[in-house]
Amino acid sequence: VRITPFERNNVAEWISRDDLGVVYSFASDFPHAEGGHDPIGRLSRTLSALGPPAAERFFVQNASSVLGDARVGTGR
């Protein structure tokens, strides 16, 4: 199960409170209004309190199950 919060949600608080860092992942409806104006920036700033490993999990590891492996140069 993956949960993709809106950019306005305090996902760092939820991860800390519920210990669900393996569940929350990045996804966006950008450029639609409900996708927000700066989803990556806002969520990055929120997650900065949890450190780089939490951001890596949220944006890359967990998100790959939703978005696929979109990293450049992975050979996949």
C-alpha atoms as a PDB file:
ATOM      1  CA  VAL A   1       0.000   0.000   0.000  1.00  0.00           C
ATOM      2  CA  ARG A   2       1.278   3.482  -0.855  1.00  0.00           C
ATOM      3  CA  ILE A   3      -0.235   6.762   0.273  1.00  0.00           C
ATOM      4  CA  THR A   4       0.531   9.844  -1.800  1.00  0.00           C
ATOM      5  CA  PRO A   5      -0.132  13.031   0.172  1.00  0.00           C
ATOM      6  CA  PHE A   6      -0.896  16.445  -1.238  1.00  0.00           C
ATOM      7  CA  GLU A   7       1.945  18.971  -1.139  1.00  0.00           C
ATOM      8  CA  ARG A   8       0.171  20.898   1.615  1.00  0.00           C
ATOM      9  CA  ASN A   9       0.150  17.898   3.983  1.00  0.00           C
ATOM     10  CA  ASN A  10       2.749  17.672   6.728  1.00  0.00           C
ATOM     11  CA  VAL A  11       3.927  14.229   5.707  1.00  0.00           C
ATOM     12  CA  ALA A  12       6.979  14.410   8.004  1.00  0.00           C
ATOM     13  CA  GLU A  13       4.668  14.728  11.003  1.00  0.00           C
ATOM     14  CA  TRP A  14       2.619  11.755   9.824  1.00  0.00           C
ATOM     15  CA  ILE A  15       5.717   9.622   9.207  1.00  0.00           C
ATOM     16  CA  SER A  16       7.080  10.455  12.652  1.00  0.00           C
ATOM     17  CA  ARG A  17       3.770   9.976  14.435  1.00  0.00           C
ATOM     18  CA  ASP A  18       2.678   6.770  12.748  1.00  0.00           C
ATOM     19  CA  ASP A  19       6.053   5.199  11.818  1.00  0.00           C
ATOM     20  CA  LEU A  20       4.812   4.688   8.257  1.00  0.00           C
ATOM     21  CA  GLY A  21       7.842   5.865   6.300  1.00  0.00           C
ATOM     22  CA  VAL A  22       7.561   2.821   4.045  1.00  0.00           C
ATOM     23  CA  VAL A  23       3.980   3.728   3.087  1.00  0.00           C
ATOM     24  CA  TYR A  24       4.050   7.435   2.158  1.00  0.00           C
ATOM     25  CA  SER A  25       5.425   8.196  -1.293  1.00  0.00           C
ATOM     26  CA  PHE A  26       5.648  11.010  -3.780  1.00  0.00           C
ATOM     27  CA  ALA A  27       3.187  11.471  -6.602  1.00  0.00           C
ATOM     28  CA  SER A  28       1.749  14.634  -8.056  1.00  0.00           C
ATOM     29  CA  ASP A  29      -1.011  15.894 -10.252  1.00  0.00           C
ATOM     30  CA  PHE A  30       1.149  18.887 -11.241  1.00  0.00           C
ATOM     31  CA  PRO A  31       0.440  21.094 -13.233  1.00  0.00           C
ATOM     32  CA  HIS A  32      -3.216  20.714 -12.274  1.00  0.00           C
ATOM     33  CA  ALA A  33      -4.392  22.933  -9.415  1.00  0.00           C
ATOM     34  CA  GLU A  34      -4.742  20.057  -6.974  1.00  0.00           C
ATOM     35  CA  GLY A  35      -1.094  19.146  -7.698  1.00  0.00           C
ATOM     36  CA  GLY A  36       0.047  22.433  -6.158  1.00  0.00           C
ATOM     37  CA  HIS A  37       2.567  24.974  -7.361  1.00  0.00           C
ATOM     38  CA  ASP A  38       5.795  23.419  -6.050  1.00  0.00           C
ATOM     39  CA  PRO A  39       5.063  19.878  -4.855  1.00  0.00           C
ATOM     40  CA  ILE A  40       8.666  18.672  -4.817  1.00  0.00           C
ATOM     41  CA  GLY A  41       9.951  21.793  -3.065  1.00  0.00           C
ATOM     42  CA  ARG A  42       7.233  21.899  -0.424  1.00  0.00           C
ATOM     43  CA  LEU A  43       7.445  18.207   0.374  1.00  0.00           C
ATOM     44  CA  SER A  44      11.264  18.389   0.438  1.00  0.00           C
ATOM     45  CA  ARG A  45      11.152  21.193   2.960  1.00  0.00           C
ATOM     46  CA  THR A  46       8.694  19.255   5.112  1.00  0.00           C
ATOM     47  CA  LEU A  47      10.778  16.080   4.970  1.00  0.00           C
ATOM     48  CA  SER A  48      14.054  17.881   5.708  1.00  0.00           C
ATOM     49  CA  ALA A  49      13.305  17.526   9.423  1.00  0.00           C
ATOM     50  CA  LEU A  50      13.607  13.739   9.041  1.00  0.00           C
ATOM     51  CA  GLY A  51      16.901  13.785   7.138  1.00  0.00           C
ATOM     52  CA  PRO A  52      18.107  12.603   3.732  1.00  0.00           C
ATOM     53  CA  PRO A  53      17.239   8.896   4.200  1.00  0.00           C
ATOM     54  CA  ALA A  54      13.545   9.783   4.677  1.00  0.00           C
ATOM     55  CA  ALA A  55      13.542  11.946   1.544  1.00  0.00           C
ATOM     56  CA  GLU A  56      15.253   9.174  -0.453  1.00  0.00           C
ATOM     57  CA  ARG A  57      12.631   6.687   0.726  1.00  0.00           C
ATOM     58  CA  PHE A  58       9.730   9.066  -0.005  1.00  0.00           C
ATOM     59  CA  PHE A  59      10.844  10.405  -3.396  1.00  0.00           C
ATOM     60  CA  VAL A  60      12.719   7.420  -4.838  1.00  0.00           C
ATOM     61  CA  GLN A  61      12.220   4.069  -3.159  1.00  0.00           C
ATOM     62  CA  ASN A  62       8.518   4.257  -2.290  1.00  0.00           C
ATOM     63  CA  ALA A  63       7.610   6.379  -5.304  1.00  0.00           C
ATOM     64  CA  SER A  64       9.129   3.873  -7.728  1.00  0.00           C
ATOM     65  CA  SER A  65       6.333   1.453  -6.856  1.00  0.00           C
ATOM     66  CA  VAL A  66       3.824   4.134  -7.928  1.00  0.00           C
ATOM     67  CA  LEU A  67       5.655   5.830 -10.795  1.00  0.00           C
ATOM     68  CA  GLY A  68       8.097   3.148 -11.934  1.00  0.00           C
ATOM     69  CA  ASP A  69      11.863   3.579 -11.947  1.00  0.00           C
ATOM     70  CA  ALA A  70      12.242   6.991 -13.557  1.00  0.00           C
ATOM     71  CA  ARG A  71      15.818   7.664 -12.425  1.00  0.00           C
ATOM     72  CA  VAL A  72      18.061   8.813 -15.267  1.00  0.00           C
ATOM     73  CA  GLY A  73      20.992   6.589 -16.110  1.00  0.00           C
ATOM     74  CA  THR A  74      19.875   3.505 -14.195  1.00  0.00           C
ATOM     75  CA  GLY A  75      19.875   1.355 -17.298  1.00  0.00           C
ATOM     76  CA  ARG A  76      16.372   0.132 -16.475  1.00  0.00           C
END
